[in-house]
Amino acid sequence: MNETYTLKEAMERLGIKSANAFFQLERKYPDAFVVMQRGFSKKDVHSRKDIQYHKAMIDRFAERRQYFKEERS
């Protein structure tokens, strides 16, 4: 069982469709987005395509985010 999410998998888990929205959440809640592995391409050193996020932290953040969304409704 893989203990990490790719960017695309993390976005799906959080129900986010735009990478920009994901990165805004990442900047707002840096403790929830633990980077396990950061891969770099030779062309683009600042590429975020190959980042691996800690799966349990993303899952925990998604659960709490969903709970607070429901409470606000």
N, C-alpha and C. Protein backbone atom coordinates (compact mmCIF):
# COMPACT_ATOMS: atom_id res chain seq x y z
N MET A 1 0.84 -1.19 0.00
CA MET A 1 0.00 0.00 0.00
C MET A 1 0.88 1.25 0.00
N ASN A 2 0.61 2.14 -0.90
CA ASN A 2 1.39 3.36 -1.04
C ASN A 2 1.00 4.36 0.06
N GLU A 3 1.98 4.98 0.68
CA GLU A 3 1.73 5.92 1.77
C GLU A 3 1.77 7.37 1.32
N THR A 4 1.74 7.58 0.00
CA THR A 4 1.80 8.93 -0.52
C THR A 4 0.75 9.15 -1.59
N TYR A 5 0.42 10.42 -1.80
CA TYR A 5 -0.45 10.83 -2.90
C TYR A 5 0.36 11.69 -3.86
N THR A 6 0.08 11.54 -5.14
CA THR A 6 0.62 12.48 -6.10
C THR A 6 -0.25 13.74 -6.03
N LEU A 7 0.16 14.78 -6.72
CA LEU A 7 -0.62 16.01 -6.74
C LEU A 7 -2.04 15.73 -7.22
N LYS A 8 -2.16 14.98 -8.30
CA LYS A 8 -3.48 14.68 -8.86
C LYS A 8 -4.34 13.89 -7.88
N GLU A 9 -3.76 12.90 -7.22
CA GLU A 9 -4.51 12.09 -6.25
C GLU A 9 -4.94 12.93 -5.04
N ALA A 10 -4.06 13.80 -4.58
CA ALA A 10 -4.40 14.67 -3.44
C ALA A 10 -5.52 15.63 -3.81
N MET A 11 -5.48 16.15 -5.03
CA MET A 11 -6.55 17.04 -5.48
C MET A 11 -7.88 16.30 -5.54
N GLU A 12 -7.87 15.07 -6.03
CA GLU A 12 -9.09 14.26 -6.09
C GLU A 12 -9.62 13.98 -4.69
N ARG A 13 -8.73 13.65 -3.77
CA ARG A 13 -9.14 13.33 -2.40
C ARG A 13 -9.78 14.53 -1.72
N LEU A 14 -9.27 15.72 -2.01
CA LEU A 14 -9.80 16.94 -1.41
C LEU A 14 -10.98 17.51 -2.20
N GLY A 15 -11.26 16.96 -3.36
CA GLY A 15 -12.36 17.45 -4.18
C GLY A 15 -12.06 18.78 -4.83
N ILE A 16 -10.80 19.00 -5.16
CA ILE A 16 -10.37 20.25 -5.77
C ILE A 16 -10.07 19.99 -7.25
N LYS A 17 -10.56 20.88 -8.10
CA LYS A 17 -10.38 20.68 -9.54
C LYS A 17 -9.23 21.48 -10.11
N SER A 18 -8.80 22.51 -9.43
CA SER A 18 -7.75 23.37 -9.96
C SER A 18 -6.48 23.26 -9.11
N ALA A 19 -5.34 23.17 -9.79
CA ALA A 19 -4.07 23.10 -9.08
C ALA A 19 -3.82 24.40 -8.31
N ASN A 20 -4.27 25.51 -8.85
CA ASN A 20 -4.11 26.79 -8.18
C ASN A 20 -4.83 26.79 -6.82
N ALA A 21 -6.04 26.27 -6.77
CA ALA A 21 -6.79 26.18 -5.51
C ALA A 21 -6.07 25.27 -4.52
N PHE A 22 -5.50 24.18 -5.03
CA PHE A 22 -4.75 23.27 -4.17
C PHE A 22 -3.55 23.97 -3.55
N PHE A 23 -2.80 24.70 -4.37
CA PHE A 23 -1.60 25.38 -3.88
C PHE A 23 -1.95 26.52 -2.92
N GLN A 24 -3.12 27.13 -3.10
CA GLN A 24 -3.57 28.15 -2.14
C GLN A 24 -3.84 27.50 -0.79
N LEU A 25 -4.49 26.33 -0.79
CA LEU A 25 -4.70 25.60 0.47
C LEU A 25 -3.38 25.19 1.09
N GLU A 26 -2.45 24.77 0.26
CA GLU A 26 -1.13 24.35 0.75
C GLU A 26 -0.41 25.51 1.44
N ARG A 27 -0.53 26.70 0.87
CA ARG A 27 0.10 27.88 1.49
C ARG A 27 -0.62 28.29 2.77
N LYS A 28 -1.95 28.12 2.79
CA LYS A 28 -2.74 28.53 3.95
C LYS A 28 -2.58 27.56 5.12
N TYR A 29 -2.46 26.27 4.82
CA TYR A 29 -2.33 25.23 5.85
C TYR A 29 -1.09 24.39 5.60
N PRO A 30 0.10 24.94 5.79
CA PRO A 30 1.33 24.21 5.44
C PRO A 30 1.55 22.94 6.28
N ASP A 31 1.04 22.89 7.49
CA ASP A 31 1.22 21.70 8.32
C ASP A 31 0.43 20.50 7.82
N ALA A 32 -0.62 20.74 7.06
CA ALA A 32 -1.47 19.65 6.57
C ALA A 32 -0.91 19.02 5.29
N PHE A 33 0.02 19.69 4.64
CA PHE A 33 0.54 19.20 3.37
C PHE A 33 2.01 18.84 3.52
N VAL A 34 2.24 17.66 4.09
CA VAL A 34 3.60 17.19 4.34
C VAL A 34 4.14 16.56 3.06
N VAL A 35 5.26 17.08 2.58
CA VAL A 35 5.87 16.57 1.37
C VAL A 35 6.82 15.44 1.75
N MET A 36 6.56 14.26 1.19
CA MET A 36 7.38 13.09 1.47
C MET A 36 8.54 12.98 0.49
N GLN A 37 8.29 13.35 -0.77
CA GLN A 37 9.32 13.25 -1.79
C GLN A 37 9.08 14.34 -2.81
N ARG A 38 10.14 14.98 -3.19
CA ARG A 38 10.04 16.05 -4.18
C ARG A 38 10.93 15.68 -5.35
N GLY A 39 10.31 15.39 -6.47
CA GLY A 39 11.06 15.05 -7.67
C GLY A 39 11.25 16.28 -8.53
N PHE A 40 12.39 16.38 -9.15
CA PHE A 40 12.68 17.53 -9.99
C PHE A 40 12.96 17.08 -11.40
N SER A 41 12.42 17.82 -12.33
CA SER A 41 12.77 17.55 -13.72
C SER A 41 13.99 18.40 -14.06
N LYS A 42 14.73 17.98 -15.05
CA LYS A 42 15.94 18.72 -15.42
C LYS A 42 15.61 20.05 -16.06
N LYS A 43 14.46 20.14 -16.72
CA LYS A 43 14.08 21.37 -17.40
C LYS A 43 13.52 22.41 -16.43
N ASP A 44 12.70 21.97 -15.50
CA ASP A 44 12.02 22.91 -14.61
C ASP A 44 12.30 22.53 -13.16
N VAL A 45 13.18 23.27 -12.53
CA VAL A 45 13.58 22.97 -11.14
C VAL A 45 12.42 23.23 -10.19
N HIS A 46 11.52 24.13 -10.55
CA HIS A 46 10.41 24.48 -9.66
C HIS A 46 9.13 23.70 -9.99
N SER A 47 9.26 22.61 -10.71
CA SER A 47 8.11 21.81 -11.09
C SER A 47 7.48 21.16 -9.86
N ARG A 48 6.16 21.14 -9.83
CA ARG A 48 5.45 20.51 -8.72
C ARG A 48 4.78 19.22 -9.16
N LYS A 49 5.07 18.75 -10.36
CA LYS A 49 4.41 17.56 -10.88
C LYS A 49 4.77 16.31 -10.10
N ASP A 50 6.00 16.20 -9.66
CA ASP A 50 6.47 14.96 -9.06
C ASP A 50 6.48 14.96 -7.54
N ILE A 51 5.75 15.85 -6.92
CA ILE A 51 5.70 15.91 -5.46
C ILE A 51 4.84 14.76 -4.94
N GLN A 52 5.28 14.14 -3.86
CA GLN A 52 4.53 13.09 -3.18
C GLN A 52 4.13 13.61 -1.80
N TYR A 53 2.83 13.68 -1.53
CA TYR A 53 2.32 14.17 -0.25
C TYR A 53 2.01 13.01 0.68
N HIS A 54 2.17 13.24 1.98
CA HIS A 54 1.89 12.22 2.99
C HIS A 54 0.40 11.90 2.98
N LYS A 55 0.06 10.66 2.71
CA LYS A 55 -1.32 10.24 2.51
C LYS A 55 -2.19 10.43 3.75
N ALA A 56 -1.71 10.02 4.90
CA ALA A 56 -2.50 10.11 6.12
C ALA A 56 -2.82 11.56 6.49
N MET A 57 -1.87 12.46 6.26
CA MET A 57 -2.10 13.87 6.57
C MET A 57 -3.14 14.47 5.63
N ILE A 58 -3.07 14.13 4.35
CA ILE A 58 -4.06 14.62 3.38
C ILE A 58 -5.43 14.07 3.72
N ASP A 59 -5.50 12.78 4.06
CA ASP A 59 -6.79 12.17 4.43
C ASP A 59 -7.38 12.86 5.66
N ARG A 60 -6.57 13.10 6.66
CA ARG A 60 -7.03 13.75 7.89
C ARG A 60 -7.52 15.17 7.58
N PHE A 61 -6.78 15.90 6.76
CA PHE A 61 -7.18 17.26 6.40
C PHE A 61 -8.49 17.23 5.61
N ALA A 62 -8.65 16.27 4.70
CA ALA A 62 -9.87 16.16 3.90
C ALA A 62 -11.09 15.88 4.78
N GLU A 63 -10.92 15.01 5.77
CA GLU A 63 -12.02 14.70 6.69
C GLU A 63 -12.43 15.94 7.48
N ARG A 64 -11.47 16.65 8.01
CA ARG A 64 -11.77 17.86 8.79
C ARG A 64 -12.38 18.95 7.91
N ARG A 65 -11.86 19.08 6.71
CA ARG A 65 -12.38 20.07 5.78
C ARG A 65 -13.83 19.78 5.44
N GLN A 66 -14.16 18.51 5.20
CA GLN A 66 -15.53 18.11 4.91
C GLN A 66 -16.45 18.37 6.11
N TYR A 67 -15.97 18.06 7.30
CA TYR A 67 -16.76 18.28 8.52
C TYR A 67 -17.12 19.76 8.67
N PHE A 68 -16.14 20.64 8.48
CA PHE A 68 -16.40 22.07 8.64
C PHE A 68 -17.26 22.62 7.51
N LYS A 69 -17.17 22.05 6.32
CA LYS A 69 -18.05 22.44 5.23
C LYS A 69 -19.51 22.11 5.60
N GLU A 70 -19.73 20.93 6.16
CA GLU A 70 -21.06 20.51 6.56
C GLU A 70 -21.60 21.37 7.70
N GLU A 71 -20.75 21.74 8.64
CA GLU A 71 -21.16 22.57 9.76
C GLU A 71 -21.58 23.97 9.32
N ARG A 72 -20.90 24.50 8.30
CA ARG A 72 -21.21 25.84 7.82
C ARG A 72 -22.53 25.88 7.06
N SER A 73 -22.96 24.76 6.52
CA SER A 73 -24.19 24.71 5.70
C SER A 73 -25.42 24.77 6.56
